[in-house]
Amino acid sequence: MYKRQSFYSPGQFSNIYPSLTTSECKGTLNFAGEVCSLRHGWIVGALNSAYHSVMNILKLEKKEELIEKMKEIWGDENFHT
């Protein structure tokens, strides 16, 4: 079985992480995946970053009812940190 995950060089993660987790293009471009998480290399990292990206988009679009529904189903933004 072949597993693909991110590997960072020493010091690289702390330099890249802020850029990976910041929305671009006025909030319309968000990146997700385990590489964009504090838990890179784990599926929970991919889930956390996907949650974060979806919440960014919902907040940008002012979809309060969907934000509340997402929080009800998945919990707050730090649901697996």
PDB file of N, CA and C in Angstrom:
ATOM      1  N   MET A   1       0.841  -1.173   0.000  1.00  0.00           N
ATOM      2  CA  MET A   1       0.000   0.000   0.000  1.00  0.00           C
ATOM      3  C   MET A   1       0.893   1.244   0.000  1.00  0.00           C
ATOM      4  N   TYR A   2       0.556   2.192  -0.833  1.00  0.00           N
ATOM      5  CA  TYR A   2       1.338   3.423  -0.959  1.00  0.00           C
ATOM      6  C   TYR A   2       0.598   4.558  -0.285  1.00  0.00           C
ATOM      7  N   LYS A   3       1.245   5.222   0.624  1.00  0.00           N
ATOM      8  CA  LYS A   3       0.625   6.336   1.346  1.00  0.00           C
ATOM      9  C   LYS A   3       1.305   7.629   0.932  1.00  0.00           C
ATOM     10  N   ARG A   4       0.509   8.620   0.621  1.00  0.00           N
ATOM     11  CA  ARG A   4       1.056   9.917   0.237  1.00  0.00           C
ATOM     12  C   ARG A   4       0.685  10.938   1.314  1.00  0.00           C
ATOM     13  N   GLN A   5       1.658  11.647   1.814  1.00  0.00           N
ATOM     14  CA  GLN A   5       1.431  12.699   2.794  1.00  0.00           C
ATOM     15  C   GLN A   5       2.529  13.730   2.673  1.00  0.00           C
ATOM     16  N   SER A   6       2.319  14.852   3.340  1.00  0.00           N
ATOM     17  CA  SER A   6       3.294  15.933   3.255  1.00  0.00           C
ATOM     18  C   SER A   6       4.448  15.706   4.228  1.00  0.00           C
ATOM     19  N   PHE A   7       5.609  16.082   3.803  1.00  0.00           N
ATOM     20  CA  PHE A   7       6.792  16.087   4.656  1.00  0.00           C
ATOM     21  C   PHE A   7       7.443  17.448   4.510  1.00  0.00           C
ATOM     22  N   TYR A   8       7.735  18.061   5.627  1.00  0.00           N
ATOM     23  CA  TYR A   8       8.352  19.377   5.623  1.00  0.00           C
ATOM     24  C   TYR A   8       9.795  19.281   6.093  1.00  0.00           C
ATOM     25  N   SER A   9      10.623  20.119   5.553  1.00  0.00           N
ATOM     26  CA  SER A   9      11.994  20.247   6.032  1.00  0.00           C
ATOM     27  C   SER A   9      11.974  21.020   7.346  1.00  0.00           C
ATOM     28  N   PRO A  10      13.043  20.948   8.146  1.00  0.00           N
ATOM     29  CA  PRO A  10      13.076  21.699   9.389  1.00  0.00           C
ATOM     30  C   PRO A  10      12.809  23.193   9.155  1.00  0.00           C
ATOM     31  N   GLY A  11      11.868  23.742   9.895  1.00  0.00           N
ATOM     32  CA  GLY A  11      11.522  25.157   9.800  1.00  0.00           C
ATOM     33  C   GLY A  11      10.583  25.509   8.662  1.00  0.00           C
ATOM     34  N   GLN A  12      10.409  24.617   7.708  1.00  0.00           N
ATOM     35  CA  GLN A  12       9.580  24.909   6.542  1.00  0.00           C
ATOM     36  C   GLN A  12       8.099  25.046   6.902  1.00  0.00           C
ATOM     37  N   PHE A  13       7.609  24.174   7.759  1.00  0.00           N
ATOM     38  CA  PHE A  13       6.188  24.205   8.108  1.00  0.00           C
ATOM     39  C   PHE A  13       5.794  25.539   8.725  1.00  0.00           C
ATOM     40  N   SER A  14       6.585  26.043   9.652  1.00  0.00           N
ATOM     41  CA  SER A  14       6.237  27.305  10.316  1.00  0.00           C
ATOM     42  C   SER A  14       6.250  28.479   9.340  1.00  0.00           C
ATOM     43  N   ASN A  15       7.027  28.377   8.272  1.00  0.00           N
ATOM     44  CA  ASN A  15       7.050  29.436   7.260  1.00  0.00           C
ATOM     45  C   ASN A  15       5.889  29.326   6.271  1.00  0.00           C
ATOM     46  N   ILE A  16       5.483  28.114   5.946  1.00  0.00           N
ATOM     47  CA  ILE A  16       4.459  27.891   4.922  1.00  0.00           C
ATOM     48  C   ILE A  16       3.042  27.877   5.483  1.00  0.00           C
ATOM     49  N   TYR A  17       2.868  27.348   6.692  1.00  0.00           N
ATOM     50  CA  TYR A  17       1.530  27.143   7.257  1.00  0.00           C
ATOM     51  C   TYR A  17       0.632  28.379   7.209  1.00  0.00           C
ATOM     52  N   PRO A  18       1.093  29.557   7.618  1.00  0.00           N
ATOM     53  CA  PRO A  18       0.198  30.726   7.571  1.00  0.00           C
ATOM     54  C   PRO A  18      -0.330  31.018   6.161  1.00  0.00           C
ATOM     55  N   SER A  19       0.489  30.823   5.157  1.00  0.00           N
ATOM     56  CA  SER A  19       0.044  31.062   3.776  1.00  0.00           C
ATOM     57  C   SER A  19      -0.984  30.034   3.332  1.00  0.00           C
ATOM     58  N   LEU A  20      -0.818  28.800   3.747  1.00  0.00           N
ATOM     59  CA  LEU A  20      -1.738  27.734   3.345  1.00  0.00           C
ATOM     60  C   LEU A  20      -3.121  27.892   3.971  1.00  0.00           C
ATOM     61  N   THR A  21      -3.182  28.504   5.138  1.00  0.00           N
ATOM     62  CA  THR A  21      -4.452  28.597   5.855  1.00  0.00           C
ATOM     63  C   THR A  21      -5.133  29.959   5.718  1.00  0.00           C
ATOM     64  N   THR A  22      -4.568  30.830   4.912  1.00  0.00           N
ATOM     65  CA  THR A  22      -5.154  32.148   4.692  1.00  0.00           C
ATOM     66  C   THR A  22      -5.927  32.151   3.382  1.00  0.00           C
ATOM     67  N   SER A  23      -7.172  32.588   3.424  1.00  0.00           N
ATOM     68  CA  SER A  23      -7.982  32.686   2.207  1.00  0.00           C
ATOM     69  C   SER A  23      -7.378  33.722   1.271  1.00  0.00           C
ATOM     70  N   GLU A  24      -7.506  33.485  -0.006  1.00  0.00           N
ATOM     71  CA  GLU A  24      -6.998  34.406  -1.024  1.00  0.00           C
ATOM     72  C   GLU A  24      -8.161  34.873  -1.899  1.00  0.00           C
ATOM     73  N   CYS A  25      -7.898  35.791  -2.785  1.00  0.00           N
ATOM     74  CA  CYS A  25      -8.892  36.298  -3.748  1.00  0.00           C
ATOM     75  C   CYS A  25     -10.173  36.753  -3.033  1.00  0.00           C
ATOM     76  N   LYS A  26      -9.988  37.612  -2.033  1.00  0.00           N
ATOM     77  CA  LYS A  26     -11.106  38.149  -1.251  1.00  0.00           C
ATOM     78  C   LYS A  26     -11.928  37.049  -0.582  1.00  0.00           C
ATOM     79  N   GLY A  27     -11.255  35.994  -0.178  1.00  0.00           N
ATOM     80  CA  GLY A  27     -11.905  34.909   0.556  1.00  0.00           C
ATOM     81  C   GLY A  27     -12.509  33.816  -0.299  1.00  0.00           C
ATOM     82  N   THR A  28     -12.432  33.954  -1.611  1.00  0.00           N
ATOM     83  CA  THR A  28     -13.065  32.961  -2.477  1.00  0.00           C
ATOM     84  C   THR A  28     -12.179  31.767  -2.797  1.00  0.00           C
ATOM     85  N   LEU A  29     -10.897  31.837  -2.469  1.00  0.00           N
ATOM     86  CA  LEU A  29      -9.979  30.736  -2.723  1.00  0.00           C
ATOM     87  C   LEU A  29      -9.438  30.224  -1.395  1.00  0.00           C
ATOM     88  N   ASN A  30      -9.772  28.989  -1.092  1.00  0.00           N
ATOM     89  CA  ASN A  30      -9.328  28.347   0.146  1.00  0.00           C
ATOM     90  C   ASN A  30      -8.686  27.015  -0.211  1.00  0.00           C
ATOM     91  N   PHE A  31      -7.602  26.690   0.460  1.00  0.00           N
ATOM     92  CA  PHE A  31      -6.958  25.402   0.252  1.00  0.00           C
ATOM     93  C   PHE A  31      -7.304  24.480   1.415  1.00  0.00           C
ATOM     94  N   ALA A  32      -7.435  23.197   1.118  1.00  0.00           N
ATOM     95  CA  ALA A  32      -7.739  22.206   2.149  1.00  0.00           C
ATOM     96  C   ALA A  32      -6.937  20.943   1.878  1.00  0.00           C
ATOM     97  N   GLY A  33      -6.762  20.154   2.897  1.00  0.00           N
ATOM     98  CA  GLY A  33      -6.018  18.900   2.823  1.00  0.00           C
ATOM     99  C   GLY A  33      -5.106  18.795   4.022  1.00  0.00           C
ATOM    100  N   GLU A  34      -4.585  17.618   4.251  1.00  0.00           N
ATOM    101  CA  GLU A  34      -3.769  17.423   5.446  1.00  0.00           C
ATOM    102  C   GLU A  34      -2.538  18.323   5.464  1.00  0.00           C
ATOM    103  N   VAL A  35      -2.080  18.729   4.294  1.00  0.00           N
ATOM    104  CA  VAL A  35      -0.922  19.615   4.209  1.00  0.00           C
ATOM    105  C   VAL A  35      -1.235  20.999   4.801  1.00  0.00           C
ATOM    106  N   CYS A  36      -2.506  21.353   4.876  1.00  0.00           N
ATOM    107  CA  CYS A  36      -2.952  22.665   5.384  1.00  0.00           C
ATOM    108  C   CYS A  36      -3.400  22.576   6.841  1.00  0.00           C
ATOM    109  N   SER A  37      -2.884  21.642   7.576  1.00  0.00           N
ATOM    110  CA  SER A  37      -3.328  21.422   8.945  1.00  0.00           C
ATOM    111  C   SER A  37      -2.144  21.275   9.889  1.00  0.00           C
ATOM    112  N   LEU A  38      -2.397  21.567  11.149  1.00  0.00           N
ATOM    113  CA  LEU A  38      -1.388  21.311  12.172  1.00  0.00           C
ATOM    114  C   LEU A  38      -1.156  19.818  12.331  1.00  0.00           C
ATOM    115  N   ARG A  39      -2.123  19.029  11.886  1.00  0.00           N
ATOM    116  CA  ARG A  39      -2.014  17.570  11.967  1.00  0.00           C
ATOM    117  C   ARG A  39      -1.720  16.988  10.586  1.00  0.00           C
ATOM    118  N   HIS A  40      -0.740  17.576   9.903  1.00  0.00           N
ATOM    119  CA  HIS A  40      -0.408  17.080   8.567  1.00  0.00           C
ATOM    120  C   HIS A  40       0.096  15.644   8.667  1.00  0.00           C
ATOM    121  N   GLY A  41      -0.267  14.879   7.658  1.00  0.00           N
ATOM    122  CA  GLY A  41       0.082  13.460   7.644  1.00  0.00           C
ATOM    123  C   GLY A  41      -1.009  12.567   8.204  1.00  0.00           C
ATOM    124  N   TRP A  42      -2.110  13.167   8.688  1.00  0.00           N
ATOM    125  CA  TRP A  42      -3.198  12.397   9.289  1.00  0.00           C
ATOM    126  C   TRP A  42      -4.522  12.797   8.648  1.00  0.00           C
ATOM    127  N   ILE A  43      -5.447  11.854   8.566  1.00  0.00           N
ATOM    128  CA  ILE A  43      -6.758  12.133   7.974  1.00  0.00           C
ATOM    129  C   ILE A  43      -7.499  13.217   8.759  1.00  0.00           C
ATOM    130  N   VAL A  44      -7.301  13.268  10.063  1.00  0.00           N
ATOM    131  CA  VAL A  44      -7.955  14.313  10.856  1.00  0.00           C
ATOM    132  C   VAL A  44      -7.475  15.699  10.423  1.00  0.00           C
ATOM    133  N   GLY A  45      -6.256  15.793   9.945  1.00  0.00           N
ATOM    134  CA  GLY A  45      -5.748  17.062   9.421  1.00  0.00           C
ATOM    135  C   GLY A  45      -6.497  17.483   8.175  1.00  0.00           C
ATOM    136  N   ALA A  46      -6.788  16.525   7.307  1.00  0.00           N
ATOM    137  CA  ALA A  46      -7.568  16.819   6.098  1.00  0.00           C
ATOM    138  C   ALA A  46      -8.982  17.253   6.469  1.00  0.00           C
ATOM    139  N   LEU A  47      -9.589  16.583   7.436  1.00  0.00           N
ATOM    140  CA  LEU A  47     -10.943  16.952   7.869  1.00  0.00           C
ATOM    141  C   LEU A  47     -10.968  18.337   8.501  1.00  0.00           C
ATOM    142  N   ASN A  48      -9.987  18.626   9.348  1.00  0.00           N
ATOM    143  CA  ASN A  48      -9.927  19.943   9.984  1.00  0.00           C
ATOM    144  C   ASN A  48      -9.783  21.058   8.956  1.00  0.00           C
ATOM    145  N   SER A  49      -8.916  20.864   7.989  1.00  0.00           N
ATOM    146  CA  SER A  49      -8.711  21.925   7.007  1.00  0.00           C
ATOM    147  C   SER A  49      -9.916  22.076   6.088  1.00  0.00           C
ATOM    148  N   ALA A  50     -10.599  20.983   5.787  1.00  0.00           N
ATOM    149  CA  ALA A  50     -11.820  21.070   4.979  1.00  0.00           C
ATOM    150  C   ALA A  50     -12.890  21.842   5.741  1.00  0.00           C
ATOM    151  N   TYR A  51     -13.038  21.549   7.024  1.00  0.00           N
ATOM    152  CA  TYR A  51     -14.002  22.263   7.862  1.00  0.00           C
ATOM    153  C   TYR A  51     -13.686  23.759   7.865  1.00  0.00           C
ATOM    154  N   HIS A  52     -12.435  24.080   8.069  1.00  0.00           N
ATOM    155  CA  HIS A  52     -11.995  25.480   8.110  1.00  0.00           C
ATOM    156  C   HIS A  52     -12.306  26.189   6.785  1.00  0.00           C
ATOM    157  N   SER A  53     -12.022  25.540   5.676  1.00  0.00           N
ATOM    158  CA  SER A  53     -12.272  26.134   4.357  1.00  0.00           C
ATOM    159  C   SER A  53     -13.760  26.353   4.112  1.00  0.00           C
ATOM    160  N   VAL A  54     -14.567  25.353   4.452  1.00  0.00           N
ATOM    161  CA  VAL A  54     -16.021  25.489   4.264  1.00  0.00           C
ATOM    162  C   VAL A  54     -16.563  26.615   5.139  1.00  0.00           C
ATOM    163  N   MET A  55     -16.097  26.695   6.386  1.00  0.00           N
ATOM    164  CA  MET A  55     -16.556  27.768   7.273  1.00  0.00           C
ATOM    165  C   MET A  55     -16.159  29.138   6.730  1.00  0.00           C
ATOM    166  N   ASN A  56     -14.971  29.255   6.177  1.00  0.00           N
ATOM    167  CA  ASN A  56     -14.542  30.530   5.581  1.00  0.00           C
ATOM    168  C   ASN A  56     -15.498  30.958   4.468  1.00  0.00           C
ATOM    169  N   ILE A  57     -15.863  30.014   3.623  1.00  0.00           N
ATOM    170  CA  ILE A  57     -16.761  30.317   2.504  1.00  0.00           C
ATOM    171  C   ILE A  57     -18.151  30.673   3.012  1.00  0.00           C
ATOM    172  N   LEU A  58     -18.666  29.916   3.967  1.00  0.00           N
ATOM    173  CA  LEU A  58     -19.998  30.205   4.511  1.00  0.00           C
ATOM    174  C   LEU A  58     -20.039  31.577   5.187  1.00  0.00           C
ATOM    175  N   LYS A  59     -18.976  31.921   5.894  1.00  0.00           N
ATOM    176  CA  LYS A  59     -18.918  33.243   6.533  1.00  0.00           C
ATOM    177  C   LYS A  59     -18.850  34.351   5.490  1.00  0.00           C
ATOM    178  N   LEU A  60     -18.071  34.147   4.440  1.00  0.00           N
ATOM    179  CA  LEU A  60     -17.972  35.123   3.361  1.00  0.00           C
ATOM    180  C   LEU A  60     -19.332  35.359   2.710  1.00  0.00           C
ATOM    181  N   GLU A  61     -20.067  34.283   2.512  1.00  0.00           N
ATOM    182  CA  GLU A  61     -21.387  34.357   1.870  1.00  0.00           C
ATOM    183  C   GLU A  61     -22.509  34.707   2.853  1.00  0.00           C
ATOM    184  N   LYS A  62     -22.146  34.875   4.130  1.00  0.00           N
ATOM    185  CA  LYS A  62     -23.112  35.218   5.187  1.00  0.00           C
ATOM    186  C   LYS A  62     -24.262  34.208   5.260  1.00  0.00           C
ATOM    187  N   LYS A  63     -23.917  32.950   5.242  1.00  0.00           N
ATOM    188  CA  LYS A  63     -24.884  31.850   5.306  1.00  0.00           C
ATOM    189  C   LYS A  63     -25.026  31.382   6.754  1.00  0.00           C
ATOM    190  N   GLU A  64     -25.600  32.246   7.580  1.00  0.00           N
ATOM    191  CA  GLU A  64     -25.683  31.982   9.014  1.00  0.00           C
ATOM    192  C   GLU A  64     -26.393  30.677   9.347  1.00  0.00           C
ATOM    193  N   GLU A  65     -27.474  30.364   8.641  1.00  0.00           N
ATOM    194  CA  GLU A  65     -28.207  29.128   8.942  1.00  0.00           C
ATOM    195  C   GLU A  65     -27.362  27.892   8.632  1.00  0.00           C
ATOM    196  N   LEU A  66     -26.566  27.951   7.572  1.00  0.00           N
ATOM    197  CA  LEU A  66     -25.697  26.820   7.243  1.00  0.00           C
ATOM    198  C   LEU A  66     -24.520  26.727   8.209  1.00  0.00           C
ATOM    199  N   ILE A  67     -24.044  27.867   8.671  1.00  0.00           N
ATOM    200  CA  ILE A  67     -22.977  27.871   9.672  1.00  0.00           C
ATOM    201  C   ILE A  67     -23.464  27.194  10.942  1.00  0.00           C
ATOM    202  N   GLU A  68     -24.651  27.563  11.383  1.00  0.00           N
ATOM    203  CA  GLU A  68     -25.219  26.961  12.601  1.00  0.00           C
ATOM    204  C   GLU A  68     -25.460  25.468  12.412  1.00  0.00           C
ATOM    205  N   LYS A  69     -25.956  25.077  11.243  1.00  0.00           N
ATOM    206  CA  LYS A  69     -26.190  23.661  10.969  1.00  0.00           C
ATOM    207  C   LYS A  69     -24.876  22.890  10.977  1.00  0.00           C
ATOM    208  N   MET A  70     -23.844  23.467  10.392  1.00  0.00           N
ATOM    209  CA  MET A  70     -22.539  22.815  10.379  1.00  0.00           C
ATOM    210  C   MET A  70     -21.986  22.660  11.789  1.00  0.00           C
ATOM    211  N   LYS A  71     -22.123  23.703  12.593  1.00  0.00           N
ATOM    212  CA  LYS A  71     -21.668  23.624  13.989  1.00  0.00           C
ATOM    213  C   LYS A  71     -22.464  22.581  14.766  1.00  0.00           C
ATOM    214  N   GLU A  72     -23.752  22.483  14.486  1.00  0.00           N
ATOM    215  CA  GLU A  72     -24.605  21.507  15.161  1.00  0.00           C
ATOM    216  C   GLU A  72     -24.167  20.079  14.831  1.00  0.00           C
ATOM    217  N   ILE A  73     -23.835  19.848  13.574  1.00  0.00           N
ATOM    218  CA  ILE A  73     -23.444  18.499  13.143  1.00  0.00           C
ATOM    219  C   ILE A  73     -21.994  18.186  13.497  1.00  0.00           C
ATOM    220  N   TRP A  74     -21.074  19.122  13.244  1.00  0.00           N
ATOM    221  CA  TRP A  74     -19.652  18.858  13.362  1.00  0.00           C
ATOM    222  C   TRP A  74     -18.979  19.499  14.576  1.00  0.00           C
ATOM    223  N   GLY A  75     -19.662  20.402  15.266  1.00  0.00           N
ATOM    224  CA  GLY A  75     -19.066  21.078  16.416  1.00  0.00           C
ATOM    225  C   GLY A  75     -18.432  22.397  15.995  1.00  0.00           C
ATOM    226  N   ASP A  76     -17.663  22.971  16.914  1.00  0.00           N
ATOM    227  CA  ASP A  76     -17.056  24.264  16.618  1.00  0.00           C
ATOM    228  C   ASP A  76     -15.866  24.108  15.683  1.00  0.00           C
ATOM    229  N   GLU A  77     -15.195  25.202  15.375  1.00  0.00           N
ATOM    230  CA  GLU A  77     -14.111  25.196  14.381  1.00  0.00           C
ATOM    231  C   GLU A  77     -12.891  24.405  14.836  1.00  0.00           C
ATOM    232  N   ASN A  78     -12.765  24.114  16.089  1.00  0.00           N
ATOM    233  CA  ASN A  78     -11.618  23.355  16.583  1.00  0.00           C
ATOM    234  C   ASN A  78     -12.054  21.965  17.016  1.00  0.00           C
ATOM    235  N   PHE A  79     -12.830  21.328  16.169  1.00  0.00           N
ATOM    236  CA  PHE A  79     -13.471  20.083  16.580  1.00  0.00           C
ATOM    237  C   PHE A  79     -12.538  18.911  16.769  1.00  0.00           C
ATOM    238  N   HIS A  80     -11.342  18.935  16.240  1.00  0.00           N
ATOM    239  CA  HIS A  80     -10.402  17.819  16.451  1.00  0.00           C
ATOM    240  C   HIS A  80      -8.979  18.312  16.643  1.00  0.00           C
ATOM    241  N   THR A  81      -8.793  19.421  17.337  1.00  0.00           N
ATOM    242  CA  THR A  81      -7.428  19.915  17.502  1.00  0.00           C
ATOM    243  C   THR A  81      -6.817  19.393  18.773  1.00  0.00           C
TER     244      THR A  81
END
